[in-house]
Amino acid sequence: MSTELTATVSETETEREIAAIARMIAFARQSAHAQALDLVTYCLDTALAAALEELDKSAANAAEAQVHVEALCGEVVH
């Protein structure tokens, strides 16, 4: 059971890291846009979309792991 709980904590940390990366990309994208750097803006748009997609995947995996942990905890309690 501790392995499952550790997996949930790791997923949360991963989500935090991905969110931090997304914020950095968003800041860089806004700066590039303000400087009319169209190609850079486009590339950063693509990078931001990829980071957000990874965040969605990580959140989905964490939710699935949490359901599994709750099911295990329920079995132990009952």
Protein backbone atom coordinates (compact mmCIF):
# COMPACT_ATOMS: atom_id res chain seq x y z
CA MET A 1 0.00 0.00 0.00
CA SER A 2 2.82 2.46 0.71
CA THR A 3 3.98 2.12 -2.88
CA GLU A 4 0.59 3.33 -4.07
CA LEU A 5 0.64 6.31 -1.70
CA THR A 6 4.16 7.20 -2.82
CA ALA A 7 3.02 7.08 -6.45
CA THR A 8 0.26 9.59 -5.68
CA VAL A 9 2.71 11.96 -3.98
CA SER A 10 5.13 11.65 -6.90
CA GLU A 11 2.39 12.44 -9.38
CA THR A 12 1.50 15.57 -7.43
CA GLU A 13 5.15 16.69 -7.46
CA THR A 14 5.32 15.97 -11.18
CA GLU A 15 2.21 18.08 -11.74
CA ARG A 16 3.79 20.96 -9.82
CA GLU A 17 6.94 20.74 -11.92
CA ILE A 18 5.02 20.67 -15.19
CA ALA A 19 2.89 23.61 -14.07
CA ALA A 20 6.04 25.58 -13.24
CA ILE A 21 7.45 24.82 -16.69
CA ALA A 22 4.17 25.91 -18.29
CA ARG A 23 4.29 29.21 -16.39
CA MET A 24 7.86 29.85 -17.58
CA ILE A 25 6.90 29.07 -21.17
CA ALA A 26 3.84 31.34 -20.92
CA PHE A 27 6.01 34.20 -19.63
CA ALA A 28 8.56 33.70 -22.43
CA ARG A 29 5.74 33.51 -24.98
CA GLN A 30 4.28 36.83 -23.82
CA SER A 31 7.72 38.44 -24.01
CA ALA A 32 8.30 37.09 -27.51
CA HIS A 33 4.86 38.29 -28.60
CA ALA A 34 5.54 41.78 -27.20
CA GLN A 35 8.74 41.90 -29.24
CA ALA A 36 6.91 40.76 -32.40
CA LEU A 37 9.01 37.61 -32.63
CA ASP A 38 6.46 35.62 -34.58
CA LEU A 39 8.41 32.40 -35.07
CA VAL A 40 9.51 32.34 -31.43
CA THR A 41 5.94 33.03 -30.33
CA TYR A 42 4.68 30.18 -32.50
CA CYS A 43 7.28 27.76 -31.10
CA LEU A 44 6.48 28.76 -27.54
CA ASP A 45 2.75 28.33 -28.26
CA THR A 46 3.53 24.79 -29.36
CA ALA A 47 5.71 24.16 -26.30
CA LEU A 48 3.00 25.52 -23.99
CA ALA A 49 0.37 23.31 -25.60
CA ALA A 50 2.64 20.29 -25.09
CA ALA A 51 3.28 21.18 -21.44
CA LEU A 52 -0.45 21.59 -20.79
CA GLU A 53 -1.13 18.25 -22.47
CA GLU A 54 1.44 16.60 -20.21
CA LEU A 55 -0.17 18.26 -17.19
CA ASP A 56 -3.56 16.86 -18.22
CA LYS A 57 -2.05 13.38 -18.58
CA SER A 58 -0.33 13.62 -15.22
CA ALA A 59 -3.51 14.79 -13.52
CA ALA A 60 -5.46 11.92 -15.08
CA ASN A 61 -2.83 9.42 -13.93
CA ALA A 62 -2.85 10.90 -10.41
CA ALA A 63 -6.64 10.69 -10.25
CA GLU A 64 -6.51 7.05 -11.35
CA ALA A 65 -3.83 6.27 -8.75
CA GLN A 66 -5.87 8.01 -6.05
CA VAL A 67 -8.92 5.88 -6.86
CA HIS A 68 -6.72 2.79 -6.62
CA VAL A 69 -5.31 3.91 -3.24
CA GLU A 70 -8.80 4.60 -1.91
CA ALA A 71 -9.94 1.16 -3.03
CA LEU A 72 -6.97 -0.45 -1.27
CA CYS A 73 -7.57 1.55 1.89
CA GLY A 74 -11.22 0.55 1.84
CA GLU A 75 -10.26 -3.11 1.60
CA VAL A 76 -7.88 -2.80 4.54
CA VAL A 77 -10.44 -1.00 6.72
CA HIS A 78 -13.30 -3.40 5.98
